[in-house]
N, C-alpha and C. Protein backbone atom coordinates (compact mmCIF):
# COMPACT_ATOMS: atom_id res chain seq x y z
N ILE A 1 -150.93 220.16 -9.46
CA ILE A 1 -151.99 219.99 -8.47
C ILE A 1 -153.12 219.19 -9.11
N ASN A 2 -153.47 218.06 -8.48
CA ASN A 2 -154.57 217.22 -8.95
C ASN A 2 -155.71 217.26 -7.95
N THR A 3 -156.90 216.92 -8.42
CA THR A 3 -158.04 216.78 -7.50
C THR A 3 -158.41 215.31 -7.42
N PRO A 4 -158.77 214.83 -6.22
CA PRO A 4 -159.05 213.40 -6.04
C PRO A 4 -160.42 212.99 -6.56
N LYS A 5 -160.63 211.67 -6.60
CA LYS A 5 -161.90 211.11 -7.03
C LYS A 5 -162.98 211.39 -5.99
N LYS A 6 -164.23 211.28 -6.40
CA LYS A 6 -165.35 211.36 -5.47
C LYS A 6 -165.20 210.27 -4.43
N PRO A 7 -165.62 210.45 -3.18
CA PRO A 7 -166.28 211.63 -2.62
C PRO A 7 -165.29 212.60 -1.98
N ASN A 8 -163.98 212.45 -2.24
CA ASN A 8 -162.99 213.32 -1.61
C ASN A 8 -162.78 214.61 -2.40
N SER A 9 -162.19 215.60 -1.72
CA SER A 9 -161.88 216.84 -2.41
C SER A 9 -160.59 217.40 -1.85
N GLY A 10 -159.99 218.32 -2.57
CA GLY A 10 -158.75 218.93 -2.12
C GLY A 10 -157.81 219.11 -3.30
N HIS A 11 -156.65 219.68 -3.03
CA HIS A 11 -155.63 219.86 -4.05
C HIS A 11 -154.44 219.00 -3.67
N ARG A 12 -154.28 217.86 -4.34
CA ARG A 12 -153.17 216.96 -4.06
C ARG A 12 -151.96 217.41 -4.87
N LYS A 13 -150.79 217.50 -4.21
CA LYS A 13 -149.59 217.98 -4.88
C LYS A 13 -148.92 216.82 -5.61
N VAL A 14 -148.75 216.97 -6.92
CA VAL A 14 -148.10 215.93 -7.73
C VAL A 14 -147.03 216.57 -8.61
N ALA A 15 -146.14 215.73 -9.12
CA ALA A 15 -145.07 216.20 -10.01
C ALA A 15 -144.96 215.25 -11.19
N ARG A 16 -144.76 215.80 -12.38
CA ARG A 16 -144.46 214.97 -13.55
C ARG A 16 -142.95 214.73 -13.55
N VAL A 17 -142.55 213.48 -13.51
CA VAL A 17 -141.14 213.12 -13.33
C VAL A 17 -140.67 212.30 -14.52
N ARG A 18 -139.51 212.66 -15.08
CA ARG A 18 -138.90 211.82 -16.11
C ARG A 18 -137.88 210.92 -15.43
N LEU A 19 -138.10 209.62 -15.51
CA LEU A 19 -137.21 208.65 -14.87
C LEU A 19 -135.94 208.48 -15.69
N SER A 20 -134.95 207.81 -15.11
CA SER A 20 -133.69 207.58 -15.82
C SER A 20 -133.91 206.68 -17.04
N SER A 21 -135.00 205.92 -17.04
CA SER A 21 -135.34 205.08 -18.20
C SER A 21 -136.10 205.86 -19.26
N ARG A 22 -136.13 207.20 -19.11
CA ARG A 22 -136.78 208.14 -20.04
C ARG A 22 -138.29 207.98 -20.11
N VAL A 23 -138.91 207.36 -19.10
CA VAL A 23 -140.36 207.25 -19.01
C VAL A 23 -140.86 208.39 -18.14
N GLU A 24 -141.94 209.05 -18.55
CA GLU A 24 -142.47 210.15 -17.74
C GLU A 24 -143.66 209.66 -16.93
N VAL A 25 -143.61 209.85 -15.61
CA VAL A 25 -144.67 209.39 -14.72
C VAL A 25 -145.13 210.54 -13.83
N THR A 26 -146.28 210.35 -13.20
CA THR A 26 -146.79 211.32 -12.24
C THR A 26 -146.50 210.78 -10.85
N ALA A 27 -145.86 211.58 -9.99
CA ALA A 27 -145.51 211.14 -8.64
C ALA A 27 -146.14 212.08 -7.62
N TYR A 28 -146.66 211.50 -6.54
CA TYR A 28 -147.30 212.25 -5.48
C TYR A 28 -146.24 212.80 -4.53
N ILE A 29 -146.42 214.04 -4.07
CA ILE A 29 -145.50 214.66 -3.11
C ILE A 29 -146.18 214.65 -1.75
N PRO A 30 -145.77 213.76 -0.82
CA PRO A 30 -146.45 213.66 0.47
C PRO A 30 -146.07 214.79 1.41
N GLY A 31 -146.88 215.01 2.43
CA GLY A 31 -146.57 216.00 3.46
C GLY A 31 -147.03 217.40 3.11
N ILE A 32 -146.86 218.30 4.07
CA ILE A 32 -147.31 219.68 3.92
C ILE A 32 -146.21 220.50 3.28
N ASP A 33 -146.52 221.21 2.21
CA ASP A 33 -145.60 222.13 1.54
C ASP A 33 -144.40 221.38 0.95
N HIS A 34 -143.81 221.92 -0.11
CA HIS A 34 -142.61 221.34 -0.70
C HIS A 34 -141.82 222.44 -1.40
N ASN A 35 -140.58 222.10 -1.78
CA ASN A 35 -139.69 223.10 -2.39
C ASN A 35 -139.34 222.75 -3.83
N LEU A 36 -140.10 221.86 -4.46
CA LEU A 36 -139.74 221.40 -5.80
C LEU A 36 -140.03 222.46 -6.85
N GLN A 37 -139.09 222.58 -7.80
CA GLN A 37 -139.27 223.48 -8.93
C GLN A 37 -139.11 222.68 -10.22
N GLU A 38 -139.10 223.37 -11.35
CA GLU A 38 -139.22 222.67 -12.62
C GLU A 38 -138.12 221.65 -12.89
N HIS A 39 -136.87 221.96 -12.61
CA HIS A 39 -135.80 221.03 -12.96
C HIS A 39 -135.16 220.37 -11.74
N SER A 40 -135.90 220.25 -10.65
CA SER A 40 -135.40 219.55 -9.46
C SER A 40 -135.25 218.07 -9.77
N SER A 41 -134.21 217.43 -9.18
CA SER A 41 -134.10 215.98 -9.32
C SER A 41 -134.64 215.35 -8.04
N VAL A 42 -135.41 214.29 -8.20
CA VAL A 42 -136.07 213.65 -7.06
C VAL A 42 -135.85 212.15 -7.11
N LEU A 43 -135.98 211.51 -5.94
CA LEU A 43 -135.95 210.06 -5.84
C LEU A 43 -137.39 209.60 -5.72
N VAL A 44 -137.76 208.59 -6.51
CA VAL A 44 -139.16 208.17 -6.58
C VAL A 44 -139.27 206.73 -6.12
N ARG A 45 -140.31 206.43 -5.33
CA ARG A 45 -140.60 205.05 -4.95
C ARG A 45 -141.98 204.68 -5.45
N GLY A 46 -142.24 203.38 -5.52
CA GLY A 46 -143.56 202.91 -5.93
C GLY A 46 -144.56 203.12 -4.81
N GLY A 47 -145.82 202.99 -5.12
CA GLY A 47 -146.87 203.12 -4.12
C GLY A 47 -147.93 204.08 -4.60
N ARG A 48 -149.10 203.54 -4.93
CA ARG A 48 -150.10 204.40 -5.53
C ARG A 48 -150.81 205.25 -4.50
N VAL A 49 -151.52 206.28 -4.99
CA VAL A 49 -152.34 207.13 -4.15
C VAL A 49 -153.77 206.78 -4.50
N LYS A 50 -154.51 206.26 -3.51
CA LYS A 50 -155.79 205.62 -3.80
C LYS A 50 -156.81 206.54 -4.44
N ASP A 51 -156.82 207.83 -4.06
CA ASP A 51 -157.87 208.69 -4.63
C ASP A 51 -157.39 209.55 -5.80
N LEU A 52 -156.19 209.28 -6.33
CA LEU A 52 -155.71 210.00 -7.52
C LEU A 52 -155.51 208.99 -8.66
N PRO A 53 -156.36 209.01 -9.67
CA PRO A 53 -156.21 208.05 -10.77
C PRO A 53 -154.91 208.30 -11.53
N GLY A 54 -154.20 207.22 -11.85
CA GLY A 54 -152.99 207.33 -12.66
C GLY A 54 -151.74 207.70 -11.90
N VAL A 55 -151.83 207.90 -10.58
CA VAL A 55 -150.64 208.25 -9.79
C VAL A 55 -150.17 206.99 -9.07
N LYS A 56 -149.04 206.43 -9.53
CA LYS A 56 -148.57 205.15 -9.00
C LYS A 56 -147.22 205.24 -8.32
N TYR A 57 -146.71 206.47 -8.14
CA TYR A 57 -145.39 206.67 -7.54
C TYR A 57 -145.45 207.77 -6.51
N ARG A 58 -144.48 207.78 -5.59
CA ARG A 58 -144.38 208.83 -4.58
C ARG A 58 -142.96 209.37 -4.57
N VAL A 59 -142.83 210.67 -4.30
CA VAL A 59 -141.52 211.30 -4.16
C VAL A 59 -141.00 211.01 -2.75
N ILE A 60 -139.72 210.64 -2.62
CA ILE A 60 -139.13 210.40 -1.30
C ILE A 60 -138.60 211.73 -0.78
N ARG A 61 -139.13 212.17 0.36
CA ARG A 61 -138.73 213.45 0.93
C ARG A 61 -137.41 213.32 1.68
N GLY A 62 -136.64 214.39 1.69
CA GLY A 62 -135.37 214.40 2.42
C GLY A 62 -134.20 213.86 1.62
N THR A 63 -134.37 213.62 0.31
CA THR A 63 -133.26 213.16 -0.53
C THR A 63 -133.14 214.08 -1.75
N LEU A 64 -131.93 214.14 -2.31
CA LEU A 64 -131.66 214.97 -3.50
C LEU A 64 -132.18 216.39 -3.30
N ASP A 65 -133.04 216.89 -4.20
CA ASP A 65 -133.48 218.28 -4.10
C ASP A 65 -134.72 218.48 -3.22
N THR A 66 -135.27 217.39 -2.68
CA THR A 66 -136.50 217.51 -1.88
C THR A 66 -136.14 217.62 -0.40
N VAL A 67 -136.62 218.66 0.28
CA VAL A 67 -136.36 218.78 1.72
C VAL A 67 -137.46 218.06 2.49
N GLY A 68 -137.17 217.72 3.75
CA GLY A 68 -138.17 217.08 4.60
C GLY A 68 -139.24 218.07 5.02
N VAL A 69 -140.27 217.55 5.69
CA VAL A 69 -141.38 218.38 6.15
C VAL A 69 -140.94 219.13 7.41
N LYS A 70 -141.24 220.43 7.48
CA LYS A 70 -140.87 221.23 8.65
C LYS A 70 -141.74 220.87 9.85
N ASN A 71 -141.14 220.91 11.04
CA ASN A 71 -141.85 220.74 12.32
C ASN A 71 -142.63 219.43 12.42
N ARG A 72 -142.10 218.37 11.81
CA ARG A 72 -142.77 217.08 11.87
C ARG A 72 -142.24 216.33 13.08
N GLN A 73 -143.14 215.85 13.96
CA GLN A 73 -142.72 215.18 15.19
C GLN A 73 -143.00 213.67 15.14
N GLN A 74 -144.12 213.27 14.56
CA GLN A 74 -144.49 211.85 14.52
C GLN A 74 -144.45 211.34 13.10
N GLY A 75 -144.15 210.06 12.92
CA GLY A 75 -144.06 209.48 11.59
C GLY A 75 -143.01 210.18 10.75
N ARG A 76 -141.85 210.49 11.36
CA ARG A 76 -140.85 211.32 10.69
C ARG A 76 -140.16 210.61 9.53
N SER A 77 -139.99 209.30 9.63
CA SER A 77 -139.19 208.60 8.62
C SER A 77 -139.83 208.67 7.24
N LYS A 78 -141.13 208.76 7.18
CA LYS A 78 -141.81 208.83 5.89
C LYS A 78 -141.69 210.21 5.25
N TYR A 79 -141.24 211.21 6.02
CA TYR A 79 -141.19 212.58 5.51
C TYR A 79 -139.80 213.18 5.56
N GLY A 80 -138.76 212.35 5.73
CA GLY A 80 -137.38 212.80 5.65
C GLY A 80 -136.98 213.78 6.73
N VAL A 81 -137.41 213.53 7.99
CA VAL A 81 -137.10 214.44 9.09
C VAL A 81 -136.22 213.72 10.10
N LYS A 82 -135.10 214.36 10.48
CA LYS A 82 -134.22 213.79 11.50
C LYS A 82 -134.85 213.94 12.88
N LYS A 83 -134.34 213.15 13.84
CA LYS A 83 -134.86 213.22 15.21
C LYS A 83 -134.50 214.56 15.82
N PRO A 84 -135.48 215.26 16.42
CA PRO A 84 -135.19 216.56 17.03
C PRO A 84 -134.31 216.40 18.26
N LYS A 85 -133.42 217.35 18.49
CA LYS A 85 -132.51 217.29 19.64
C LYS A 85 -133.25 217.60 20.93
């Protein structure tokens, strides 16, 4: 959990990720709530988080060990949610 730069506040969810190239980076976990634990494998994409210094990657939700956001209706593709029936 990181805190953003001034003037924003909150607890931003981040994960320390070791890439296949053996480089360790900090990746932001978008959306509400997540199921990641210590040895979960995740897919990471580029894209910085403007108010978190040093965070230049994002976790892709809905792939590998990361589940999509529950009850998401709009902007679903960014959060790994299938179309509701």
